[in-house]
């Protein structure tokens, strides 16, 4: 399932076809159907991509990192996503 831009269900008039540069936590929870605690546990285990620090307290996930997990959630590992690691 390819990633799409999150939509604001309150206002659907301005839906862009350009995917976002980063997905925020609420988007990742919606896309993966995992809880916040499960996401952080899997990140610590290396079974989910770590977020990118966007400055201050903001962080997000790149579409490519999420797509790698979506393509094979059971087989995902940090070593798989970074072949040079």
PDB file of N, CA and C in Angstrom:
ATOM      1  N   UNK A   1       0.840  -1.169   0.000  1.00  0.00           N
ATOM      2  CA  UNK A   1       0.000   0.000   0.000  1.00  0.00           C
ATOM      3  C   UNK A   1       0.887   1.234   0.000  1.00  0.00           C
ATOM      4  N   UNK A   2       0.889   2.027  -1.052  1.00  0.00           N
ATOM      5  CA  UNK A   2       1.702   3.234  -1.090  1.00  0.00           C
ATOM      6  C   UNK A   2       1.177   4.281  -0.125  1.00  0.00           C
ATOM      7  N   UNK A   3       2.094   5.059   0.415  1.00  0.00           N
ATOM      8  CA  UNK A   3       1.718   6.117   1.348  1.00  0.00           C
ATOM      9  C   UNK A   3       1.071   7.270   0.605  1.00  0.00           C
ATOM     10  N   UNK A   4       0.106   7.898   1.243  1.00  0.00           N
ATOM     11  CA  UNK A   4      -0.520   9.087   0.687  1.00  0.00           C
ATOM     12  C   UNK A   4      -0.474  10.179   1.731  1.00  0.00           C
ATOM     13  N   UNK A   5      -0.665  11.393   1.288  1.00  0.00           N
ATOM     14  CA  UNK A   5      -0.646  12.524   2.203  1.00  0.00           C
ATOM     15  C   UNK A   5      -1.802  12.412   3.181  1.00  0.00           C
ATOM     16  N   UNK A   6      -1.539  12.680   4.474  1.00  0.00           N
ATOM     17  CA  UNK A   6      -2.633  12.656   5.432  1.00  0.00           C
ATOM     18  C   UNK A   6      -3.655  13.734   5.083  1.00  0.00           C
ATOM     19  N   UNK A   7      -4.892  13.425   5.313  1.00  0.00           N
ATOM     20  CA  UNK A   7      -5.930  14.401   5.011  1.00  0.00           C
ATOM     21  C   UNK A   7      -6.554  14.914   6.289  1.00  0.00           C
ATOM     22  N   UNK A   8      -6.923  16.152   6.272  1.00  0.00           N
ATOM     23  CA  UNK A   8      -7.664  16.740   7.375  1.00  0.00           C
ATOM     24  C   UNK A   8      -9.125  16.472   7.080  1.00  0.00           C
ATOM     25  N   UNK A   9      -9.738  15.616   7.867  1.00  0.00           N
ATOM     26  CA  UNK A   9     -11.115  15.202   7.597  1.00  0.00           C
ATOM     27  C   UNK A   9     -12.119  16.341   7.776  1.00  0.00           C
ATOM     28  N   UNK A  10     -11.693  17.420   8.398  1.00  0.00           N
ATOM     29  CA  UNK A  10     -12.593  18.562   8.560  1.00  0.00           C
ATOM     30  C   UNK A  10     -12.683  19.396   7.291  1.00  0.00           C
ATOM     31  N   UNK A  11     -11.605  19.424   6.504  1.00  0.00           N
ATOM     32  CA  UNK A  11     -11.587  20.247   5.298  1.00  0.00           C
ATOM     33  C   UNK A  11     -10.887  19.464   4.189  1.00  0.00           C
ATOM     34  N   UNK A  12     -11.653  18.933   3.269  1.00  0.00           N
ATOM     35  CA  UNK A  12     -11.085  18.123   2.194  1.00  0.00           C
ATOM     36  C   UNK A  12     -11.002  18.889   0.872  1.00  0.00           C
ATOM     37  N   UNK A  13     -11.178  20.192   0.907  1.00  0.00           N
ATOM     38  CA  UNK A  13     -11.128  20.972  -0.325  1.00  0.00           C
ATOM     39  C   UNK A  13      -9.720  21.119  -0.867  1.00  0.00           C
ATOM     40  N   UNK A  14      -8.719  21.115  -0.005  1.00  0.00           N
ATOM     41  CA  UNK A  14      -7.343  21.375  -0.427  1.00  0.00           C
ATOM     42  C   UNK A  14      -6.479  20.140  -0.199  1.00  0.00           C
ATOM     43  N   UNK A  15      -6.681  19.121  -0.999  1.00  0.00           N
ATOM     44  CA  UNK A  15      -5.896  17.897  -0.900  1.00  0.00           C
ATOM     45  C   UNK A  15      -4.830  17.934  -1.987  1.00  0.00           C
ATOM     46  N   UNK A  16      -3.583  17.887  -1.565  1.00  0.00           N
ATOM     47  CA  UNK A  16      -2.461  17.945  -2.503  1.00  0.00           C
ATOM     48  C   UNK A  16      -2.069  16.541  -2.924  1.00  0.00           C
ATOM     49  N   UNK A  17      -1.568  16.412  -4.139  1.00  0.00           N
ATOM     50  CA  UNK A  17      -1.094  15.131  -4.652  1.00  0.00           C
ATOM     51  C   UNK A  17       0.365  14.895  -4.289  1.00  0.00           C
ATOM     52  N   UNK A  18       1.033  15.896  -3.731  1.00  0.00           N
ATOM     53  CA  UNK A  18       2.442  15.785  -3.362  1.00  0.00           C
ATOM     54  C   UNK A  18       2.537  15.171  -1.965  1.00  0.00           C
ATOM     55  N   UNK A  19       3.293  14.071  -1.821  1.00  0.00           N
ATOM     56  CA  UNK A  19       3.407  13.470  -0.483  1.00  0.00           C
ATOM     57  C   UNK A  19       4.221  14.387   0.429  1.00  0.00           C
ATOM     58  N   UNK A  20       3.972  14.327   1.726  1.00  0.00           N
ATOM     59  CA  UNK A  20       4.715  15.175   2.652  1.00  0.00           C
ATOM     60  C   UNK A  20       6.167  14.722   2.748  1.00  0.00           C
ATOM     61  N   UNK A  21       7.032  15.624   3.141  1.00  0.00           N
ATOM     62  CA  UNK A  21       8.447  15.279   3.321  1.00  0.00           C
ATOM     63  C   UNK A  21       8.614  14.392   4.550  1.00  0.00           C
ATOM     64  N   UNK A  22       7.787  14.602   5.563  1.00  0.00           N
ATOM     65  CA  UNK A  22       7.839  13.824   6.798  1.00  0.00           C
ATOM     66  C   UNK A  22       6.432  13.558   7.298  1.00  0.00           C
ATOM     67  N   UNK A  23       6.239  12.380   7.865  1.00  0.00           N
ATOM     68  CA  UNK A  23       4.978  12.048   8.517  1.00  0.00           C
ATOM     69  C   UNK A  23       5.171  12.230  10.012  1.00  0.00           C
ATOM     70  N   UNK A  24       4.219  12.877  10.675  1.00  0.00           N
ATOM     71  CA  UNK A  24       4.282  13.094  12.116  1.00  0.00           C
ATOM     72  C   UNK A  24       3.664  11.905  12.838  1.00  0.00           C
ATOM     73  N   UNK A  25       3.795  11.876  14.157  1.00  0.00           N
ATOM     74  CA  UNK A  25       3.364  10.733  14.969  1.00  0.00           C
ATOM     75  C   UNK A  25       1.897  10.378  14.733  1.00  0.00           C
ATOM     76  N   UNK A  26       1.011  11.360  14.698  1.00  0.00           N
ATOM     77  CA  UNK A  26      -0.412  11.044  14.502  1.00  0.00           C
ATOM     78  C   UNK A  26      -0.651  10.356  13.169  1.00  0.00           C
ATOM     79  N   UNK A  27       0.091  10.763  12.141  1.00  0.00           N
ATOM     80  CA  UNK A  27      -0.037  10.131  10.830  1.00  0.00           C
ATOM     81  C   UNK A  27       0.481   8.699  10.876  1.00  0.00           C
ATOM     82  N   UNK A  28       1.616   8.490  11.549  1.00  0.00           N
ATOM     83  CA  UNK A  28       2.211   7.152  11.629  1.00  0.00           C
ATOM     84  C   UNK A  28       1.297   6.209  12.398  1.00  0.00           C
ATOM     85  N   UNK A  29       0.691   6.682  13.463  1.00  0.00           N
ATOM     86  CA  UNK A  29      -0.262   5.859  14.220  1.00  0.00           C
ATOM     87  C   UNK A  29      -1.437   5.481  13.331  1.00  0.00           C
ATOM     88  N   UNK A  30      -1.945   6.431  12.545  1.00  0.00           N
ATOM     89  CA  UNK A  30      -3.068   6.149  11.648  1.00  0.00           C
ATOM     90  C   UNK A  30      -2.668   5.173  10.553  1.00  0.00           C
ATOM     91  N   UNK A  31      -1.491   5.363   9.962  1.00  0.00           N
ATOM     92  CA  UNK A  31      -1.037   4.520   8.858  1.00  0.00           C
ATOM     93  C   UNK A  31      -0.757   3.094   9.312  1.00  0.00           C
ATOM     94  N   UNK A  32      -0.088   2.948  10.460  1.00  0.00           N
ATOM     95  CA  UNK A  32       0.354   1.628  10.908  1.00  0.00           C
ATOM     96  C   UNK A  32      -0.660   0.907  11.784  1.00  0.00           C
ATOM     97  N   UNK A  33      -1.577   1.631  12.379  1.00  0.00           N
ATOM     98  CA  UNK A  33      -2.546   1.082  13.339  1.00  0.00           C
ATOM     99  C   UNK A  33      -1.850   0.531  14.582  1.00  0.00           C
ATOM    100  N   UNK A  34      -0.670   1.075  14.887  1.00  0.00           N
ATOM    101  CA  UNK A  34       0.054   0.710  16.102  1.00  0.00           C
ATOM    102  C   UNK A  34      -0.078   1.846  17.106  1.00  0.00           C
ATOM    103  N   UNK A  35      -0.015   1.519  18.383  1.00  0.00           N
ATOM    104  CA  UNK A  35      -0.075   2.560  19.403  1.00  0.00           C
ATOM    105  C   UNK A  35       1.273   3.258  19.514  1.00  0.00           C
ATOM    106  N   UNK A  36       1.279   4.401  20.165  1.00  0.00           N
ATOM    107  CA  UNK A  36       2.509   5.159  20.381  1.00  0.00           C
ATOM    108  C   UNK A  36       3.526   4.311  21.155  1.00  0.00           C
ATOM    109  N   UNK A  37       3.062   3.625  22.203  1.00  0.00           N
ATOM    110  CA  UNK A  37       3.959   2.788  23.010  1.00  0.00           C
ATOM    111  C   UNK A  37       4.554   1.649  22.176  1.00  0.00           C
ATOM    112  N   UNK A  38       3.741   1.028  21.331  1.00  0.00           N
ATOM    113  CA  UNK A  38       4.229  -0.064  20.485  1.00  0.00           C
ATOM    114  C   UNK A  38       5.250   0.459  19.476  1.00  0.00           C
ATOM    115  N   UNK A  39       5.005   1.629  18.915  1.00  0.00           N
ATOM    116  CA  UNK A  39       5.962   2.215  17.972  1.00  0.00           C
ATOM    117  C   UNK A  39       7.315   2.417  18.637  1.00  0.00           C
ATOM    118  N   UNK A  40       7.322   3.040  19.817  1.00  0.00           N
ATOM    119  CA  UNK A  40       8.588   3.301  20.495  1.00  0.00           C
ATOM    120  C   UNK A  40       9.274   2.011  20.940  1.00  0.00           C
ATOM    121  N   UNK A  41       8.508   1.006  21.336  1.00  0.00           N
ATOM    122  CA  UNK A  41       9.104  -0.283  21.698  1.00  0.00           C
ATOM    123  C   UNK A  41       9.763  -0.920  20.476  1.00  0.00           C
ATOM    124  N   UNK A  42       9.087  -0.880  19.334  1.00  0.00           N
ATOM    125  CA  UNK A  42       9.659  -1.457  18.109  1.00  0.00           C
ATOM    126  C   UNK A  42      10.871  -0.664  17.622  1.00  0.00           C
ATOM    127  N   UNK A  43      10.857   0.647  17.801  1.00  0.00           N
ATOM    128  CA  UNK A  43      12.021   1.457  17.444  1.00  0.00           C
ATOM    129  C   UNK A  43      13.216   1.014  18.294  1.00  0.00           C
ATOM    130  N   UNK A  44      13.003   0.834  19.595  1.00  0.00           N
ATOM    131  CA  UNK A  44      14.080   0.409  20.492  1.00  0.00           C
ATOM    132  C   UNK A  44      14.605  -0.979  20.120  1.00  0.00           C
ATOM    133  N   UNK A  45      13.726  -1.836  19.623  1.00  0.00           N
ATOM    134  CA  UNK A  45      14.114  -3.193  19.218  1.00  0.00           C
ATOM    135  C   UNK A  45      14.720  -3.232  17.819  1.00  0.00           C
ATOM    136  N   UNK A  46      14.673  -2.123  17.092  1.00  0.00           N
ATOM    137  CA  UNK A  46      15.182  -2.081  15.725  1.00  0.00           C
ATOM    138  C   UNK A  46      14.207  -2.663  14.721  1.00  0.00           C
ATOM    139  N   UNK A  47      12.928  -2.758  15.097  1.00  0.00           N
ATOM    140  CA  UNK A  47      11.912  -3.344  14.222  1.00  0.00           C
ATOM    141  C   UNK A  47      10.980  -2.306  13.611  1.00  0.00           C
ATOM    142  N   UNK A  48      11.330  -1.038  13.759  1.00  0.00           N
ATOM    143  CA  UNK A  48      10.565   0.054  13.156  1.00  0.00           C
ATOM    144  C   UNK A  48      11.543   1.198  12.947  1.00  0.00           C
ATOM    145  N   UNK A  49      11.425   1.943  11.841  1.00  0.00           N
ATOM    146  CA  UNK A  49      12.379   3.034  11.594  1.00  0.00           C
ATOM    147  C   UNK A  49      12.296   4.113  12.662  1.00  0.00           C
ATOM    148  N   UNK A  50      13.440   4.632  13.036  1.00  0.00           N
ATOM    149  CA  UNK A  50      13.501   5.715  14.021  1.00  0.00           C
ATOM    150  C   UNK A  50      13.093   7.029  13.359  1.00  0.00           C
ATOM    151  N   UNK A  51      12.496   7.921  14.119  1.00  0.00           N
ATOM    152  CA  UNK A  51      12.125   9.220  13.554  1.00  0.00           C
ATOM    153  C   UNK A  51      13.356  10.089  13.328  1.00  0.00           C
ATOM    154  N   UNK A  52      13.189  11.079  12.470  1.00  0.00           N
ATOM    155  CA  UNK A  52      14.222  12.063  12.179  1.00  0.00           C
ATOM    156  C   UNK A  52      13.926  13.297  13.014  1.00  0.00           C
ATOM    157  N   UNK A  53      14.936  13.834  13.693  1.00  0.00           N
ATOM    158  CA  UNK A  53      14.753  15.046  14.473  1.00  0.00           C
ATOM    159  C   UNK A  53      14.596  16.219  13.517  1.00  0.00           C
ATOM    160  N   UNK A  54      13.491  16.941  13.652  1.00  0.00           N
ATOM    161  CA  UNK A  54      13.209  18.072  12.763  1.00  0.00           C
ATOM    162  C   UNK A  54      13.517  19.406  13.421  1.00  0.00           C
ATOM    163  N   UNK A  55      14.060  19.372  14.617  1.00  0.00           N
ATOM    164  CA  UNK A  55      14.381  20.590  15.348  1.00  0.00           C
ATOM    165  C   UNK A  55      13.485  20.761  16.547  1.00  0.00           C
ATOM    166  N   UNK A  56      14.071  21.172  17.653  1.00  0.00           N
ATOM    167  CA  UNK A  56      13.298  21.308  18.881  1.00  0.00           C
ATOM    168  C   UNK A  56      12.755  19.964  19.310  1.00  0.00           C
ATOM    169  N   UNK A  57      11.485  19.917  19.611  1.00  0.00           N
ATOM    170  CA  UNK A  57      10.843  18.668  20.024  1.00  0.00           C
ATOM    171  C   UNK A  57      10.152  17.960  18.866  1.00  0.00           C
ATOM    172  N   UNK A  58      10.245  18.510  17.675  1.00  0.00           N
ATOM    173  CA  UNK A  58       9.553  17.939  16.516  1.00  0.00           C
ATOM    174  C   UNK A  58      10.362  16.803  15.894  1.00  0.00           C
ATOM    175  N   UNK A  59       9.661  15.756  15.524  1.00  0.00           N
ATOM    176  CA  UNK A  59      10.298  14.655  14.803  1.00  0.00           C
ATOM    177  C   UNK A  59       9.285  14.102  13.806  1.00  0.00           C
ATOM    178  N   UNK A  60       9.792  13.367  12.835  1.00  0.00           N
ATOM    179  CA  UNK A  60       8.925  12.793  11.819  1.00  0.00           C
ATOM    180  C   UNK A  60       9.624  11.648  11.112  1.00  0.00           C
ATOM    181  N   UNK A  61       8.874  10.925  10.310  1.00  0.00           N
ATOM    182  CA  UNK A  61       9.385   9.788   9.561  1.00  0.00           C
ATOM    183  C   UNK A  61       9.333  10.113   8.076  1.00  0.00           C
ATOM    184  N   UNK A  62      10.359   9.727   7.341  1.00  0.00           N
ATOM    185  CA  UNK A  62      10.360   9.940   5.895  1.00  0.00           C
ATOM    186  C   UNK A  62       9.418   8.928   5.250  1.00  0.00           C
ATOM    187  N   UNK A  63       8.829   9.287   4.138  1.00  0.00           N
ATOM    188  CA  UNK A  63       7.972   8.326   3.432  1.00  0.00           C
ATOM    189  C   UNK A  63       8.720   7.045   3.058  1.00  0.00           C
ATOM    190  N   UNK A  64       9.995   7.163   2.676  1.00  0.00           N
ATOM    191  CA  UNK A  64      10.775   5.984   2.286  1.00  0.00           C
ATOM    192  C   UNK A  64      10.965   5.030   3.456  1.00  0.00           C
ATOM    193  N   UNK A  65      11.235   5.571   4.646  1.00  0.00           N
ATOM    194  CA  UNK A  65      11.425   4.722   5.826  1.00  0.00           C
ATOM    195  C   UNK A  65      10.129   3.992   6.177  1.00  0.00           C
ATOM    196  N   UNK A  66       9.010   4.713   6.140  1.00  0.00           N
ATOM    197  CA  UNK A  66       7.727   4.071   6.433  1.00  0.00           C
ATOM    198  C   UNK A  66       7.374   3.038   5.373  1.00  0.00           C
ATOM    199  N   UNK A  67       7.657   3.332   4.117  1.00  0.00           N
ATOM    200  CA  UNK A  67       7.334   2.394   3.037  1.00  0.00           C
ATOM    201  C   UNK A  67       8.138   1.107   3.194  1.00  0.00           C
ATOM    202  N   UNK A  68       9.394   1.223   3.638  1.00  0.00           N
ATOM    203  CA  UNK A  68      10.214   0.024   3.863  1.00  0.00           C
ATOM    204  C   UNK A  68       9.574  -0.866   4.917  1.00  0.00           C
ATOM    205  N   UNK A  69       9.018  -0.263   5.968  1.00  0.00           N
ATOM    206  CA  UNK A  69       8.345  -1.041   7.004  1.00  0.00           C
ATOM    207  C   UNK A  69       7.027  -1.609   6.476  1.00  0.00           C
ATOM    208  N   UNK A  70       6.269  -0.827   5.741  1.00  0.00           N
ATOM    209  CA  UNK A  70       4.980  -1.271   5.203  1.00  0.00           C
ATOM    210  C   UNK A  70       5.162  -2.440   4.250  1.00  0.00           C
ATOM    211  N   UNK A  71       6.235  -2.426   3.454  1.00  0.00           N
ATOM    212  CA  UNK A  71       6.483  -3.498   2.495  1.00  0.00           C
ATOM    213  C   UNK A  71       6.720  -4.840   3.177  1.00  0.00           C
ATOM    214  N   UNK A  72       7.316  -4.847   4.375  1.00  0.00           N
ATOM    215  CA  UNK A  72       7.581  -6.095   5.091  1.00  0.00           C
ATOM    216  C   UNK A  72       7.648  -5.834   6.591  1.00  0.00           C
ATOM    217  N   UNK A  73       6.500  -5.628   7.241  1.00  0.00           N
ATOM    218  CA  UNK A  73       6.522  -5.297   8.669  1.00  0.00           C
ATOM    219  C   UNK A  73       7.108  -6.405   9.544  1.00  0.00           C
ATOM    220  N   UNK A  74       6.863  -7.649   9.227  1.00  0.00           N
ATOM    221  CA  UNK A  74       7.369  -8.751  10.051  1.00  0.00           C
ATOM    222  C   UNK A  74       8.873  -8.933   9.870  1.00  0.00           C
ATOM    223  N   UNK A  75       9.380  -8.657   8.693  1.00  0.00           N
ATOM    224  CA  UNK A  75      10.787  -8.872   8.414  1.00  0.00           C
ATOM    225  C   UNK A  75      11.639  -7.626   8.501  1.00  0.00           C
ATOM    226  N   UNK A  76      11.041  -6.497   8.859  1.00  0.00           N
ATOM    227  CA  UNK A  76      11.791  -5.245   8.901  1.00  0.00           C
ATOM    228  C   UNK A  76      12.820  -5.277  10.026  1.00  0.00           C
ATOM    229  N   UNK A  77      13.997  -4.797   9.733  1.00  0.00           N
ATOM    230  CA  UNK A  77      15.004  -4.557  10.765  1.00  0.00           C
ATOM    231  C   UNK A  77      15.846  -3.379  10.316  1.00  0.00           C
ATOM    232  N   UNK A  78      16.481  -2.724  11.243  1.00  0.00           N
ATOM    233  CA  UNK A  78      17.312  -1.569  10.925  1.00  0.00           C
ATOM    234  C   UNK A  78      18.416  -1.971   9.953  1.00  0.00           C
ATOM    235  N   UNK A  79      19.024  -3.144  10.144  1.00  0.00           N
ATOM    236  CA  UNK A  79      20.082  -3.606   9.254  1.00  0.00           C
ATOM    237  C   UNK A  79      19.566  -3.781   7.829  1.00  0.00           C
ATOM    238  N   UNK A  80      18.314  -4.219   7.685  1.00  0.00           N
ATOM    239  CA  UNK A  80      17.715  -4.381   6.349  1.00  0.00           C
ATOM    240  C   UNK A  80      17.570  -3.048   5.638  1.00  0.00           C
ATOM    241  N   UNK A  81      17.184  -2.026   6.369  1.00  0.00           N
ATOM    242  CA  UNK A  81      16.924  -0.732   5.741  1.00  0.00           C
ATOM    243  C   UNK A  81      18.207   0.029   5.445  1.00  0.00           C
ATOM    244  N   UNK A  82      19.318  -0.342   6.080  1.00  0.00           N
ATOM    245  CA  UNK A  82      20.618   0.294   5.838  1.00  0.00           C
ATOM    246  C   UNK A  82      21.625  -0.788   5.484  1.00  0.00           C
ATOM    247  N   UNK A  83      21.746  -1.158   4.204  1.00  0.00           N
ATOM    248  CA  UNK A  83      22.613  -2.262   3.821  1.00  0.00           C
ATOM    249  C   UNK A  83      24.079  -2.043   4.180  1.00  0.00           C
ATOM    250  N   UNK A  84      24.533  -0.791   4.302  1.00  0.00           N
ATOM    251  CA  UNK A  84      25.928  -0.541   4.629  1.00  0.00           C
ATOM    252  C   UNK A  84      26.202  -0.606   6.127  1.00  0.00           C
ATOM    253  N   UNK A  85      25.170  -0.797   6.940  1.00  0.00           N
ATOM    254  CA  UNK A  85      25.348  -0.856   8.399  1.00  0.00           C
ATOM    255  C   UNK A  85      25.799  -2.217   8.853  1.00  0.00           C
TER     256      UNK A  85
END
